[in-house]
PDB file of all heavy atoms in Angstrom:
ATOM      1  N   VAL A   1      78.209 158.808  61.287  1.00  0.00           N
ATOM      2  CA  VAL A   1      79.517 159.254  60.689  1.00  0.00           C
ATOM      3  C   VAL A   1      80.687 158.923  61.519  1.00  0.00           C
ATOM      4  O   VAL A   1      81.785 158.646  60.970  1.00  0.00           O
ATOM      5  CB  VAL A   1      79.337 160.788  60.330  1.00  0.00           C
ATOM      6  CG1 VAL A   1      80.628 161.309  59.820  1.00  0.00           C
ATOM      7  CG2 VAL A   1      78.152 161.031  59.481  1.00  0.00           C
ATOM      8  N   ASP A   2      80.549 159.127  62.812  1.00  0.00           N
ATOM      9  CA  ASP A   2      81.709 158.945  63.770  1.00  0.00           C
ATOM     10  C   ASP A   2      81.307 158.204  64.970  1.00  0.00           C
ATOM     11  O   ASP A   2      81.306 158.738  66.107  1.00  0.00           O
ATOM     12  CB  ASP A   2      82.201 160.415  64.129  1.00  0.00           C
ATOM     13  CG  ASP A   2      83.463 160.375  64.895  1.00  0.00           C
ATOM     14  OD1 ASP A   2      84.249 159.359  64.820  1.00  0.00           O
ATOM     15  OD2 ASP A   2      83.664 161.332  65.773  1.00  0.00           O
ATOM     16  N   PRO A   3      80.927 156.879  64.824  1.00  0.00           N
ATOM     17  CA  PRO A   3      80.301 156.135  65.935  1.00  0.00           C
ATOM     18  C   PRO A   3      81.205 155.965  67.143  1.00  0.00           C
ATOM     19  O   PRO A   3      80.705 155.817  68.225  1.00  0.00           O
ATOM     20  CB  PRO A   3      80.038 154.827  65.287  1.00  0.00           C
ATOM     21  CG  PRO A   3      80.867 154.682  64.094  1.00  0.00           C
ATOM     22  CD  PRO A   3      81.151 156.087  63.636  1.00  0.00           C
ATOM     23  N   LEU A   4      82.572 155.952  66.885  1.00  0.00           N
ATOM     24  CA  LEU A   4      83.494 155.687  68.076  1.00  0.00           C
ATOM     25  C   LEU A   4      84.037 156.966  68.533  1.00  0.00           C
ATOM     26  O   LEU A   4      84.912 156.979  69.404  1.00  0.00           O
ATOM     27  CB  LEU A   4      84.572 154.745  67.627  1.00  0.00           C
ATOM     28  CG  LEU A   4      84.099 153.297  67.268  1.00  0.00           C
ATOM     29  CD1 LEU A   4      85.256 152.451  66.884  1.00  0.00           C
ATOM     30  CD2 LEU A   4      83.263 152.682  68.409  1.00  0.00           C
ATOM     31  N   GLY A   5      83.624 158.117  68.082  1.00  0.00           N
ATOM     32  CA  GLY A   5      84.070 159.376  68.568  1.00  0.00           C
ATOM     33  C   GLY A   5      85.517 159.664  68.225  1.00  0.00           C
ATOM     34  O   GLY A   5      86.288 160.225  69.100  1.00  0.00           O
ATOM     35  N   MET A   6      85.958 159.331  67.014  1.00  0.00           N
ATOM     36  CA  MET A   6      87.390 159.457  66.662  1.00  0.00           C
ATOM     37  C   MET A   6      87.581 160.930  66.208  1.00  0.00           C
ATOM     38  O   MET A   6      88.616 161.571  66.531  1.00  0.00           O
ATOM     39  CB  MET A   6      87.775 158.513  65.585  1.00  0.00           C
ATOM     40  CG  MET A   6      87.654 157.036  65.939  1.00  0.00           C
ATOM     41  SD  MET A   6      87.868 155.918  64.587  1.00  0.00           S
ATOM     42  CE  MET A   6      89.574 156.268  64.097  1.00  0.00           C
ATOM     43  N   ALA A   7      86.693 161.467  65.413  1.00  0.00           N
ATOM     44  CA  ALA A   7      86.873 162.819  64.767  1.00  0.00           C
ATOM     45  C   ALA A   7      86.405 163.909  65.647  1.00  0.00           C
ATOM     46  O   ALA A   7      87.084 164.976  65.745  1.00  0.00           O
ATOM     47  CB  ALA A   7      86.306 162.775  63.387  1.00  0.00           C
ATOM     48  N   ALA A   8      85.170 163.782  66.163  1.00  0.00           N
ATOM     49  CA  ALA A   8      84.544 164.847  66.870  1.00  0.00           C
ATOM     50  C   ALA A   8      85.427 165.570  68.008  1.00  0.00           C
ATOM     51  O   ALA A   8      85.553 166.805  68.013  1.00  0.00           O
ATOM     52  CB  ALA A   8      83.221 164.426  67.402  1.00  0.00           C
ATOM     53  N   PRO A   9      86.055 164.757  68.866  1.00  0.00           N
ATOM     54  CA  PRO A   9      86.842 165.382  69.927  1.00  0.00           C
ATOM     55  C   PRO A   9      88.024 166.199  69.357  1.00  0.00           C
ATOM     56  O   PRO A   9      88.388 167.219  69.928  1.00  0.00           O
ATOM     57  CB  PRO A   9      87.354 164.166  70.734  1.00  0.00           C
ATOM     58  CG  PRO A   9      86.383 163.123  70.458  1.00  0.00           C
ATOM     59  CD  PRO A   9      85.995 163.310  69.112  1.00  0.00           C
ATOM     60  N   ILE A  10      88.574 165.735  68.297  1.00  0.00           N
ATOM     61  CA  ILE A  10      89.758 166.446  67.671  1.00  0.00           C
ATOM     62  C   ILE A  10      89.278 167.748  67.086  1.00  0.00           C
ATOM     63  O   ILE A  10      89.935 168.756  67.199  1.00  0.00           O
ATOM     64  CB  ILE A  10      90.395 165.590  66.641  1.00  0.00           C
ATOM     65  CG1 ILE A  10      91.085 164.285  67.340  1.00  0.00           C
ATOM     66  CG2 ILE A  10      91.554 166.297  65.962  1.00  0.00           C
ATOM     67  CD1 ILE A  10      91.606 163.286  66.436  1.00  0.00           C
ATOM     68  N   ILE A  11      88.118 167.740  66.398  1.00  0.00           N
ATOM     69  CA  ILE A  11      87.491 168.897  65.827  1.00  0.00           C
ATOM     70  C   ILE A  11      87.258 169.943  66.936  1.00  0.00           C
ATOM     71  O   ILE A  11      87.525 171.128  66.850  1.00  0.00           O
ATOM     72  CB  ILE A  11      86.289 168.577  65.023  1.00  0.00           C
ATOM     73  CG1 ILE A  11      86.673 167.762  63.810  1.00  0.00           C
ATOM     74  CG2 ILE A  11      85.526 169.819  64.623  1.00  0.00           C
ATOM     75  CD1 ILE A  11      85.453 167.252  63.001  1.00  0.00           C
ATOM     76  N   HIS A  12      86.604 169.426  68.067  1.00  0.00           N
ATOM     77  CA  HIS A  12      86.346 170.242  69.166  1.00  0.00           C
ATOM     78  C   HIS A  12      87.628 170.899  69.745  1.00  0.00           C
ATOM     79  O   HIS A  12      87.584 172.104  70.144  1.00  0.00           O
ATOM     80  CB  HIS A  12      85.653 169.488  70.327  1.00  0.00           C
ATOM     81  CG  HIS A  12      84.291 168.975  69.945  1.00  0.00           C
ATOM     82  ND1 HIS A  12      83.618 167.935  70.655  1.00  0.00           N
ATOM     83  CD2 HIS A  12      83.467 169.344  68.945  1.00  0.00           C
ATOM     84  CE1 HIS A  12      82.500 167.727  70.091  1.00  0.00           C
ATOM     85  NE2 HIS A  12      82.314 168.605  69.038  1.00  0.00           N
ATOM     86  N   ALA A  13      88.722 170.155  69.805  1.00  0.00           N
ATOM     87  CA  ALA A  13      89.969 170.681  70.297  1.00  0.00           C
ATOM     88  C   ALA A  13      90.484 171.870  69.427  1.00  0.00           C
ATOM     89  O   ALA A  13      90.985 172.926  69.817  1.00  0.00           O
ATOM     90  CB  ALA A  13      91.024 169.645  70.424  1.00  0.00           C
ATOM     91  N   HIS A  14      90.356 171.679  68.014  1.00  0.00           N
ATOM     92  CA  HIS A  14      90.849 172.694  67.083  1.00  0.00           C
ATOM     93  C   HIS A  14      89.977 173.945  67.296  1.00  0.00           C
ATOM     94  O   HIS A  14      90.525 175.060  67.384  1.00  0.00           O
ATOM     95  CB  HIS A  14      90.730 172.183  65.711  1.00  0.00           C
ATOM     96  CG  HIS A  14      91.853 171.289  65.265  1.00  0.00           C
ATOM     97  ND1 HIS A  14      91.882 169.995  65.492  1.00  0.00           N
ATOM     98  CD2 HIS A  14      92.957 171.595  64.597  1.00  0.00           C
ATOM     99  CE1 HIS A  14      92.935 169.461  65.020  1.00  0.00           C
ATOM    100  NE2 HIS A  14      93.698 170.483  64.403  1.00  0.00           N
ATOM    101  N   LEU A  15      88.632 173.759  67.458  1.00  0.00           N
ATOM    102  CA  LEU A  15      87.768 174.900  67.564  1.00  0.00           C
ATOM    103  C   LEU A  15      88.081 175.647  68.909  1.00  0.00           C
ATOM    104  O   LEU A  15      87.963 176.851  68.990  1.00  0.00           O
ATOM    105  CB  LEU A  15      86.337 174.450  67.515  1.00  0.00           C
ATOM    106  CG  LEU A  15      85.878 173.941  66.197  1.00  0.00           C
ATOM    107  CD1 LEU A  15      84.403 173.414  66.278  1.00  0.00           C
ATOM    108  CD2 LEU A  15      85.963 174.995  65.102  1.00  0.00           C
ATOM    109  N   ALA A  16      88.358 174.851  69.942  1.00  0.00           N
ATOM    110  CA  ALA A  16      88.662 175.493  71.298  1.00  0.00           C
ATOM    111  C   ALA A  16      89.944 176.325  71.236  1.00  0.00           C
ATOM    112  O   ALA A  16      89.906 177.466  71.748  1.00  0.00           O
ATOM    113  CB  ALA A  16      88.901 174.348  72.333  1.00  0.00           C
ATOM    114  N   TRP A  17      90.971 175.880  70.513  1.00  0.00           N
ATOM    115  CA  TRP A  17      92.165 176.723  70.464  1.00  0.00           C
ATOM    116  C   TRP A  17      91.893 177.879  69.517  1.00  0.00           C
ATOM    117  O   TRP A  17      92.351 179.050  69.885  1.00  0.00           O
ATOM    118  CB  TRP A  17      93.255 175.901  69.747  1.00  0.00           C
ATOM    119  CG  TRP A  17      93.973 175.000  70.662  1.00  0.00           C
ATOM    120  CD1 TRP A  17      94.035 173.657  70.732  1.00  0.00           C
ATOM    121  CD2 TRP A  17      94.857 175.462  71.791  1.00  0.00           C
ATOM    122  NE1 TRP A  17      94.850 173.293  71.730  1.00  0.00           N
ATOM    123  CE2 TRP A  17      95.309 174.377  72.444  1.00  0.00           C
ATOM    124  CE3 TRP A  17      95.201 176.726  72.276  1.00  0.00           C
ATOM    125  CZ2 TRP A  17      96.122 174.408  73.515  1.00  0.00           C
ATOM    126  CZ3 TRP A  17      96.050 176.806  73.349  1.00  0.00           C
ATOM    127  CH2 TRP A  17      96.465 175.644  73.982  1.00  0.00           C
ATOM    128  N   LEU A  18      91.038 177.863  68.477  1.00  0.00           N
ATOM    129  CA  LEU A  18      90.731 179.006  67.708  1.00  0.00           C
ATOM    130  C   LEU A  18      89.947 180.041  68.559  1.00  0.00           C
ATOM    131  O   LEU A  18      90.030 181.246  68.283  1.00  0.00           O
ATOM    132  CB  LEU A  18      89.926 178.660  66.479  1.00  0.00           C
ATOM    133  CG  LEU A  18      90.701 177.809  65.418  1.00  0.00           C
ATOM    134  CD1 LEU A  18      89.753 177.404  64.302  1.00  0.00           C
ATOM    135  CD2 LEU A  18      91.906 178.684  64.881  1.00  0.00           C
ATOM    136  N   ALA A  19      89.233 179.633  69.542  1.00  0.00           N
ATOM    137  CA  ALA A  19      88.443 180.441  70.354  1.00  0.00           C
ATOM    138  C   ALA A  19      89.305 181.106  71.506  1.00  0.00           C
ATOM    139  O   ALA A  19      88.822 181.945  72.265  1.00  0.00           O
ATOM    140  CB  ALA A  19      87.265 179.713  71.034  1.00  0.00           C
ATOM    141  N   HIS A  20      90.509 180.663  71.625  1.00  0.00           N
ATOM    142  CA  HIS A  20      91.445 181.180  72.668  1.00  0.00           C
ATOM    143  C   HIS A  20      92.787 181.617  72.017  1.00  0.00           C
ATOM    144  O   HIS A  20      93.852 180.917  72.197  1.00  0.00           O
ATOM    145  CB  HIS A  20      91.676 180.109  73.771  1.00  0.00           C
ATOM    146  CG  HIS A  20      90.486 179.758  74.528  1.00  0.00           C
ATOM    147  ND1 HIS A  20      89.494 178.939  74.061  1.00  0.00           N
ATOM    148  CD2 HIS A  20      90.055 180.265  75.797  1.00  0.00           C
ATOM    149  CE1 HIS A  20      88.557 178.743  74.955  1.00  0.00           C
ATOM    150  NE2 HIS A  20      88.865 179.594  75.998  1.00  0.00           N
ATOM    151  N   PRO A  21      92.817 182.693  71.183  1.00  0.00           N
ATOM    152  CA  PRO A  21      93.992 182.999  70.460  1.00  0.00           C
ATOM    153  C   PRO A  21      95.174 183.398  71.321  1.00  0.00           C
ATOM    154  O   PRO A  21      96.350 183.243  70.913  1.00  0.00           O
ATOM    155  CB  PRO A  21      93.457 184.313  69.707  1.00  0.00           C
ATOM    156  CG  PRO A  21      92.248 184.796  70.402  1.00  0.00           C
ATOM    157  CD  PRO A  21      91.677 183.577  70.999  1.00  0.00           C
ATOM    158  N   GLN A  22      94.942 184.011  72.584  1.00  0.00           N
ATOM    159  CA  GLN A  22      96.036 184.342  73.430  1.00  0.00           C
ATOM    160  C   GLN A  22      96.836 183.120  73.846  1.00  0.00           C
ATOM    161  O   GLN A  22      97.971 183.071  73.802  1.00  0.00           O
ATOM    162  CB  GLN A  22      95.608 185.140  74.572  1.00  0.00           C
ATOM    163  CG  GLN A  22      96.807 185.660  75.503  1.00  0.00           C
ATOM    164  CD  GLN A  22      96.307 186.481  76.678  1.00  0.00           C
ATOM    165  OE1 GLN A  22      95.256 187.024  76.613  1.00  0.00           O
ATOM    166  NE2 GLN A  22      97.092 186.672  77.625  1.00  0.00           N
ATOM    167  N   GLU A  23      96.058 182.107  74.290  1.00  0.00           N
ATOM    168  CA  GLU A  23      96.677 180.902  74.799  1.00  0.00           C
ATOM    169  C   GLU A  23      97.350 180.176  73.614  1.00  0.00           C
ATOM    170  O   GLU A  23      98.466 179.579  73.800  1.00  0.00           O
ATOM    171  CB  GLU A  23      95.654 179.974  75.462  1.00  0.00           C
ATOM    172  CG  GLU A  23      95.105 180.427  76.762  1.00  0.00           C
ATOM    173  CD  GLU A  23      93.941 181.353  76.573  1.00  0.00           C
ATOM    174  OE1 GLU A  23      93.778 181.816  75.461  1.00  0.00           O
ATOM    175  OE2 GLU A  23      93.325 181.658  77.636  1.00  0.00           O
ATOM    176  N   LEU A  24      96.802 180.255  72.371  1.00  0.00           N
ATOM    177  CA  LEU A  24      97.366 179.643  71.230  1.00  0.00           C
ATOM    178  C   LEU A  24      98.702 180.309  70.927  1.00  0.00           C
ATOM    179  O   LEU A  24      99.690 179.607  70.628  1.00  0.00           O
ATOM    180  CB  LEU A  24      96.438 179.689  70.035  1.00  0.00           C
ATOM    181  CG  LEU A  24      96.913 179.114  68.702  1.00  0.00           C
ATOM    182  CD1 LEU A  24      97.267 177.617  68.921  1.00  0.00           C
ATOM    183  CD2 LEU A  24      95.885 179.368  67.620  1.00  0.00           C
ATOM    184  N   ALA A  25      98.746 181.615  71.005  1.00  0.00           N
ATOM    185  CA  ALA A  25      99.937 182.382  70.765  1.00  0.00           C
ATOM    186  C   ALA A  25     100.996 181.934  71.732  1.00  0.00           C
ATOM    187  O   ALA A  25     102.242 181.810  71.332  1.00  0.00           O
ATOM    188  CB  ALA A  25      99.706 183.860  70.791  1.00  0.00           C
TER     189      ALA A  25
END
């Protein structure tokens, strides 16, 4: 689905921000 790793790192970044609401705020 994502052989060159284009989408997965960006999805990981979104999930990481959702897991850190204070830093996101």
